[in-house]
């Protein structure tokens, strides 16, 4: 088929899959739908590919989404408990690094895939950063998105076991962008968001470091919004397009051989992800004891390795402290974004020394 026909068919299939996944309350439908649709096309012999520039733009939008989570209440909690939040965030990152190093040393997964696949941040950000730093984005994507599903399931089991009300299907927040598609934020906020994203894209292209497209909006935007100088607000449609671009970029890079290899590695990925969830669960017991007023489910969601979106999705459905969960997840996300590249490089060097 001609490229234009293939793209049109891919878009139609993507919309159908996103709608179907949302109907059955699957988290991260806006990412999984495009990725699954693109995998179908890629393994069927399609020759279309999403230009790299689209993913650079998507990284910039994701950086703005991370930064706009900052508000006065969040900053107050971080200011009051910053030592505990930073300490447990670093502990989680160390756990992910140690587990990733062990998995890599055992030969379960290639290269630095385990570090990126286990890094407890926003899944879409970790996939793009993994690609920028030489890890196989396809395997990382499978690990990240299977972890989201497992964390959601574990949270439901934890909630029921400790007597919290039953959780309704976690679809409202996970696919918030699917509602009010054409809603635009105030002009000043839209301008600030667009300018920040454009700055990230421009500097990443000029300096030839794609990861800057994510780092600059995330860190600079968080600092500026925390200082009260700007207010960021990303239009829902733009956020949905960014998620879709990440999903298509990953999905179209598959082929039949790579898909078979990735699926054959799923049992090992599953063991790695479950181990990470259990370790974070044990860490949350100490978090609950050290932080006054934190109930067990709040502590679990604050340290859950599913990322900030999955934690918020579940938290909005239960009687827990959402600001505390957001503060913990946000602090950890910034630490992971800043520290995961260095950890991945260190792990790669260690493996090279062991197997020259």
Protein backbone atom coordinates (compact mmCIF):
# COMPACT_ATOMS: atom_id res chain seq x y z
CA UNK A 1 0.00 0.00 0.00
CA UNK A 2 1.03 3.61 -0.51
CA UNK A 3 2.37 5.38 2.59
CA UNK A 4 -0.62 7.72 2.79
CA UNK A 5 -3.05 4.77 2.79
CA UNK A 6 -0.96 2.97 5.41
CA UNK A 7 -0.92 6.02 7.69
CA UNK A 8 -4.66 6.50 7.33
CA UNK A 9 -5.27 2.82 8.11
CA UNK A 10 -2.94 3.00 11.11
CA UNK A 11 -4.77 6.05 12.49
CA UNK A 12 -8.15 4.32 12.09
CA UNK A 13 -6.90 1.19 13.87
CA UNK A 14 -5.30 3.33 16.61
CA UNK A 15 -8.55 5.17 17.32
CA UNK A 16 -10.45 1.87 17.41
CA UNK A 17 -7.96 0.29 19.85
CA UNK A 18 -7.84 3.34 22.13
CA UNK A 19 -11.64 3.36 22.27
CA UNK A 20 -11.77 -0.38 23.00
CA UNK A 21 -9.06 -0.23 25.69
CA UNK A 22 -10.75 2.73 27.34
CA UNK A 23 -14.10 0.90 27.30
CA UNK A 24 -12.62 -1.98 29.31
CA UNK A 25 -10.79 0.43 31.64
CA UNK A 26 -7.20 -0.40 30.65
CA UNK A 27 -4.71 2.14 32.11
CA UNK A 28 -2.53 4.11 29.67
CA UNK A 29 -4.87 3.43 26.73
CA UNK A 30 -3.56 6.51 24.93
CA UNK A 31 -0.11 4.92 24.86
CA UNK A 32 -1.00 1.26 24.48
CA UNK A 33 -3.53 1.77 21.67
CA UNK A 34 -1.07 3.45 19.26
CA UNK A 35 1.70 1.03 20.23
CA UNK A 36 -0.40 -2.11 19.63
CA UNK A 37 -1.77 -0.76 16.35
CA UNK A 38 1.74 0.11 15.17
CA UNK A 39 3.07 -3.33 16.13
CA UNK A 40 0.33 -4.92 13.98
CA UNK A 41 1.42 -2.83 11.00
CA UNK A 42 5.15 -3.32 11.63
CA UNK A 43 4.99 -7.12 11.82
CA UNK A 44 2.74 -7.18 8.74
CA UNK A 45 5.53 -5.76 6.62
CA UNK A 46 4.63 -2.06 6.65
CA UNK A 47 7.49 0.27 5.73
CA UNK A 48 6.19 3.46 7.38
CA UNK A 49 8.19 4.98 10.22
CA UNK A 50 7.51 7.92 12.51
CA UNK A 51 10.21 10.60 12.04
CA UNK A 52 12.43 11.15 15.09
CA UNK A 53 11.37 14.79 15.25
CA UNK A 54 7.90 13.76 16.40
CA UNK A 55 9.31 11.98 19.44
CA UNK A 56 11.48 14.99 20.31
CA UNK A 57 8.33 17.11 20.32
CA UNK A 58 6.55 14.45 22.38
CA UNK A 59 9.35 14.54 24.97
CA UNK A 60 8.95 18.30 25.30
CA UNK A 61 5.19 17.96 25.89
CA UNK A 62 5.77 15.21 28.47
CA UNK A 63 8.26 17.48 30.24
CA UNK A 64 5.60 20.20 30.46
CA UNK A 65 3.09 17.67 31.83
CA UNK A 66 5.56 16.72 34.57
CA UNK A 67 6.28 20.35 35.47
CA UNK A 68 2.64 21.42 35.62
CA UNK A 69 2.01 19.01 38.54
CA UNK A 70 3.70 21.58 40.80
CA UNK A 71 1.34 23.67 42.95
CA UNK A 72 1.38 25.40 46.34
CA UNK A 73 0.06 22.37 48.26
CA UNK A 74 2.60 20.07 46.66
CA UNK A 75 5.46 22.44 47.47
CA UNK A 76 4.26 22.74 51.10
CA UNK A 77 4.36 18.95 51.55
CA UNK A 78 7.75 18.66 49.86
CA UNK A 79 9.09 21.48 52.05
CA UNK A 80 7.80 19.88 55.24
CA UNK A 81 8.97 16.32 54.53
CA UNK A 82 11.73 16.74 51.94
CA UNK A 83 14.29 14.63 53.79
CA UNK A 84 11.97 11.63 54.01
CA UNK A 85 10.73 12.04 50.43
CA UNK A 86 14.22 12.40 48.96
CA UNK A 87 15.59 9.57 51.12
CA UNK A 88 12.92 7.08 50.08
CA UNK A 89 13.12 8.20 46.44
CA UNK A 90 16.86 7.51 46.45
CA UNK A 91 16.24 4.16 48.17
CA UNK A 92 13.78 3.18 45.44
CA UNK A 93 16.24 4.18 42.73
CA UNK A 94 19.00 2.17 44.41
CA UNK A 95 16.69 -0.87 44.58
CA UNK A 96 15.89 -0.53 40.87
CA UNK A 97 19.58 -0.17 40.03
CA UNK A 98 20.62 -3.16 42.16
CA UNK A 99 17.88 -5.36 40.73
CA UNK A 100 18.67 -4.18 37.19
CA UNK A 101 22.37 -4.88 37.67
CA UNK A 102 21.64 -8.38 38.98
CA UNK A 103 19.28 -9.16 36.07
CA UNK A 104 21.82 -7.88 33.55
CA UNK A 105 24.64 -9.83 35.20
CA UNK A 106 22.51 -13.00 35.10
CA UNK A 107 22.00 -12.46 31.37
CA UNK A 108 18.22 -12.25 31.59
CA UNK A 109 17.96 -9.07 29.54
CA UNK A 110 20.42 -7.35 27.21
CA UNK A 111 22.48 -4.24 27.94
CA UNK A 112 20.89 -1.57 30.11
CA UNK A 113 17.30 -2.61 29.35
CA UNK A 114 16.71 -3.75 32.94
CA UNK A 115 17.66 -0.36 34.41
CA UNK A 116 15.25 1.52 32.17
CA UNK A 117 12.52 -1.10 32.36
CA UNK A 118 12.56 -1.03 36.17
CA UNK A 119 13.09 2.73 36.63
CA UNK A 120 10.02 3.92 38.56
CA UNK A 121 9.08 7.01 36.59
CA UNK A 122 6.54 7.97 33.96
CA UNK A 123 6.57 5.06 31.51
CA UNK A 124 6.57 7.20 28.37
CA UNK A 125 9.50 9.28 29.63
CA UNK A 126 11.53 6.19 30.53
CA UNK A 127 10.96 4.63 27.09
CA UNK A 128 12.17 7.76 25.30
CA UNK A 129 15.16 8.22 27.60
CA UNK A 130 16.08 4.55 27.17
CA UNK A 131 16.09 5.03 23.41
CA UNK A 132 18.28 8.14 23.72
CA UNK A 133 20.81 6.26 25.85
CA UNK A 134 21.10 3.16 23.68
CA UNK A 135 18.72 0.66 25.31
CA UNK A 136 16.17 -1.28 23.25
CA UNK A 137 13.02 0.83 23.54
CA UNK A 138 10.78 -2.11 22.54
CA UNK A 139 11.74 -4.34 25.46
CA UNK A 140 11.76 -1.35 27.83
CA UNK A 141 8.23 -0.44 26.70
CA UNK A 142 6.97 -3.97 27.37
CA UNK A 143 8.49 -3.89 30.88
CA UNK A 144 7.17 -0.43 31.70
CA UNK A 145 3.60 -0.99 30.52
CA UNK A 146 3.29 -4.47 32.03
CA UNK A 147 4.46 -2.93 35.31
CA UNK A 148 1.67 -0.35 35.19
CA UNK A 149 -0.92 -3.13 34.93
CA UNK A 150 0.68 -5.18 37.72
CA UNK A 151 0.98 -2.17 40.05
CA UNK A 152 -2.70 -1.33 39.53
CA UNK A 153 -3.64 -4.94 40.32
CA UNK A 154 -1.40 -4.97 43.41
CA UNK A 155 -2.93 -1.72 44.67
CA UNK A 156 -6.43 -3.17 44.38
CA UNK A 157 -5.33 -6.24 46.38
CA UNK A 158 -3.65 -4.05 49.02
CA UNK A 159 -6.75 -1.85 49.30
CA UNK A 160 -9.02 -4.84 49.81
CA UNK A 161 -6.68 -6.58 52.24
CA UNK A 162 -6.46 -3.55 54.57
CA UNK A 163 -10.15 -2.73 54.44
CA UNK A 164 -10.28 0.22 52.04
CA UNK A 165 -13.40 0.52 49.87
CA UNK A 166 -13.34 -1.43 46.63
CA UNK A 167 -11.68 0.44 43.80
CA UNK A 168 -13.74 1.30 40.75
CA UNK A 169 -12.10 0.74 37.35
CA UNK A 170 -9.16 3.15 37.10
CA UNK A 171 -9.98 4.71 33.75
CA UNK A 172 -11.07 8.26 34.45
CA UNK A 173 -7.69 9.69 35.33
CA UNK A 174 -5.65 7.39 33.09
CA UNK A 175 -7.48 8.63 30.04
CA UNK A 176 -8.34 12.14 31.25
CA UNK A 177 -7.06 13.51 27.98
CA UNK A 178 -9.79 11.67 26.09
CA UNK A 179 -12.38 14.04 27.58
CA UNK A 180 -12.78 17.67 26.54
CA UNK A 181 -10.46 17.20 23.56
CA UNK A 182 -10.75 20.74 22.23
CA UNK A 183 -10.53 22.53 25.58
CA UNK A 184 -7.83 25.21 25.55
CA UNK A 185 -6.18 26.67 28.67
CA UNK A 186 -5.96 30.45 29.24
CA UNK A 187 -3.85 32.22 26.61
CA UNK A 188 -1.05 33.10 29.03
CA UNK A 189 -0.71 29.50 30.25
CA UNK A 190 -0.86 28.15 26.70
CA UNK A 191 1.86 30.58 25.61
CA UNK A 192 4.11 29.65 28.56
CA UNK A 193 3.66 25.92 27.88
CA UNK A 194 4.29 26.30 24.15
CA UNK A 195 7.34 28.51 24.68
CA UNK A 196 8.85 26.09 27.22
CA UNK A 197 8.29 23.09 24.95
CA UNK A 198 9.73 24.97 21.97
CA UNK A 199 12.81 25.90 23.99
CA UNK A 200 13.35 22.26 24.92
CA UNK A 201 13.04 21.14 21.29
CA UNK A 202 15.32 23.91 19.98
CA UNK A 203 18.09 23.27 22.51
CA UNK A 204 17.90 19.49 22.06
CA UNK A 205 18.33 19.90 18.29
CA UNK A 206 21.05 22.56 18.59
CA UNK A 207 23.08 20.57 21.14
CA UNK A 208 22.20 17.22 19.50
CA UNK A 209 20.99 15.70 22.76
CA UNK A 210 17.41 14.51 22.36
CA UNK A 211 16.95 13.95 26.11
CA UNK A 212 17.16 17.72 26.67
CA UNK A 213 13.73 18.02 25.08
CA UNK A 214 12.37 16.29 28.19
CA UNK A 215 14.82 17.59 30.82
CA UNK A 216 14.54 21.31 30.08
CA UNK A 217 10.72 21.61 30.25
CA UNK A 218 10.54 19.24 33.25
CA UNK A 219 13.18 20.91 35.44
CA UNK A 220 13.00 24.52 34.24
CA UNK A 221 9.20 24.40 34.13
CA UNK A 222 8.97 22.93 37.65
CA UNK A 223 11.31 25.62 39.02
CA UNK A 224 9.51 28.49 37.29
CA UNK A 225 6.05 27.26 38.27
CA UNK A 226 7.14 26.63 41.87
CA UNK A 227 8.44 30.22 42.01
CA UNK A 228 5.07 31.46 40.75
CA UNK A 229 6.52 33.06 37.62
CA UNK A 230 4.53 30.99 35.14
CA UNK A 231 1.52 28.68 35.12
CA UNK A 232 1.70 25.70 32.76
CA UNK A 233 -1.33 24.01 31.25
CA UNK A 234 -1.12 21.49 28.40
CA UNK A 235 -4.18 21.16 26.11
CA UNK A 236 -5.66 17.63 26.39
CA UNK A 237 -5.46 17.04 22.64
CA UNK A 238 -1.78 17.98 22.57
CA UNK A 239 -1.06 15.60 25.48
CA UNK A 240 -2.95 12.80 23.71
CA UNK A 241 -0.96 13.38 20.51
CA UNK A 242 2.30 13.23 22.49
CA UNK A 243 1.32 9.90 24.05
CA UNK A 244 0.27 8.62 20.62
CA UNK A 245 3.59 9.66 19.06
CA UNK A 246 5.51 7.70 21.71
CA UNK A 247 3.34 4.63 21.18
CA UNK A 248 3.68 4.73 17.39
CA UNK A 249 7.42 5.34 17.53
CA UNK A 250 7.92 2.26 19.69
CA UNK A 251 5.43 0.05 17.85
CA UNK A 252 6.68 0.78 14.33
CA UNK A 253 10.23 -0.18 15.33
CA UNK A 254 9.18 -3.81 15.89
CA UNK A 255 9.55 -6.63 13.39
CA UNK A 256 8.47 -10.26 13.61
CA UNK A 257 11.78 -11.50 14.98
CA UNK A 258 11.95 -8.78 17.62
CA UNK A 259 8.34 -9.35 18.67
CA UNK A 260 8.97 -13.08 19.13
CA UNK A 261 12.12 -12.35 21.12
CA UNK A 262 10.34 -9.79 23.34
CA UNK A 263 7.44 -12.14 24.05
CA UNK A 264 9.82 -14.97 24.88
CA UNK A 265 11.44 -12.70 27.49
CA UNK A 266 8.10 -11.82 29.12
CA UNK A 267 8.34 -14.43 31.93
CA UNK A 268 11.69 -12.99 33.04
CA UNK A 269 10.31 -9.46 32.76
CA UNK A 270 7.34 -10.52 34.87
CA UNK A 271 9.60 -11.89 37.63
CA UNK A 272 11.69 -8.70 37.59
CA UNK A 273 8.65 -6.42 37.77
CA UNK A 274 6.96 -8.41 40.55
CA UNK A 275 10.20 -8.39 42.55
CA UNK A 276 10.40 -4.60 42.18
CA UNK A 277 6.77 -4.22 43.33
CA UNK A 278 7.39 -6.40 46.42
CA UNK A 279 10.57 -4.49 47.35
CA UNK A 280 8.77 -1.14 47.06
CA UNK A 281 5.92 -2.57 49.14
CA UNK A 282 8.35 -3.49 51.92
CA UNK A 283 9.90 -0.03 51.70
CA UNK A 284 6.43 1.52 52.09
CA UNK A 285 6.08 -0.13 55.52
CA UNK A 286 9.00 1.96 56.79
CA UNK A 287 7.62 5.03 54.99
CA UNK A 288 4.30 4.57 56.80
CA UNK A 289 6.03 4.43 60.18
CA UNK A 290 8.26 7.47 59.63
CA UNK A 291 5.66 9.81 58.15
CA UNK A 292 2.92 10.81 60.61
CA UNK A 293 -0.61 10.34 59.32
CA UNK A 294 0.32 8.12 56.37
CA UNK A 295 -1.93 5.06 56.22
CA UNK A 296 -0.63 1.82 54.61
CA UNK A 297 -2.36 2.35 51.25
CA UNK A 298 -1.15 5.97 51.03
CA UNK A 299 2.40 4.78 51.76
CA UNK A 300 2.13 2.00 49.18
CA UNK A 301 0.88 4.34 46.45
CA UNK A 302 3.49 6.96 47.37
CA UNK A 303 6.29 4.46 46.69
CA UNK A 304 4.64 2.21 44.09
CA UNK A 305 6.89 1.68 41.06
CA UNK A 306 4.10 2.18 38.55
CA UNK A 307 4.84 5.85 38.00
CA UNK A 308 3.04 9.04 38.89
CA UNK A 309 0.10 8.53 36.50
CA UNK A 310 -0.78 5.03 37.76
CA UNK A 311 -0.52 6.14 41.40
CA UNK A 312 -2.82 9.13 40.82
CA UNK A 313 -5.32 7.01 38.88
CA UNK A 314 -5.73 4.67 41.86
CA UNK A 315 -5.46 7.36 44.53
CA UNK A 316 -8.41 9.32 43.14
CA UNK A 317 -10.61 6.26 43.70
CA UNK A 318 -9.81 5.74 47.40
CA UNK A 319 -9.75 7.60 50.70
CA UNK A 320 -6.01 8.31 50.77
CA UNK A 321 -3.79 11.40 50.94
CA UNK A 322 -3.49 12.38 47.27
CA UNK A 323 -1.17 15.40 47.90
CA UNK A 324 1.30 13.22 49.81
CA UNK A 325 1.24 10.58 47.07
CA UNK A 326 1.77 13.23 44.39
CA UNK A 327 4.64 14.83 46.32
CA UNK A 328 6.44 11.51 46.80
CA UNK A 329 5.96 10.42 43.21
CA UNK A 330 6.98 13.82 41.83
CA UNK A 331 10.19 13.99 43.86
CA UNK A 332 11.09 10.47 42.79
CA UNK A 333 10.30 11.19 39.14
CA UNK A 334 12.70 14.14 39.08
CA UNK A 335 15.41 12.07 40.82
CA UNK A 336 14.92 9.16 38.39
CA UNK A 337 15.04 11.45 35.35
CA UNK A 338 18.23 13.02 36.66
CA UNK A 339 19.88 9.83 37.92
CA UNK A 340 18.80 7.00 35.61
CA UNK A 341 21.08 8.00 32.69
CA UNK A 342 24.16 7.97 34.95
CA UNK A 343 23.13 4.62 36.45
CA UNK A 344 22.58 3.12 33.00
CA UNK A 345 26.00 4.29 31.83
CA UNK A 346 27.64 2.91 34.98
CA UNK A 347 25.93 -0.44 34.50
CA UNK A 348 26.99 -0.58 30.86
CA UNK A 349 30.61 0.10 31.81
CA UNK A 350 30.51 -2.61 34.48
CA UNK A 351 29.20 -5.14 32.00
CA UNK A 352 31.87 -4.16 29.46
CA UNK A 353 34.60 -4.71 32.05
CA UNK A 354 33.18 -8.13 32.93
CA UNK A 355 32.76 -9.16 29.29
CA UNK A 356 35.35 -7.20 27.23
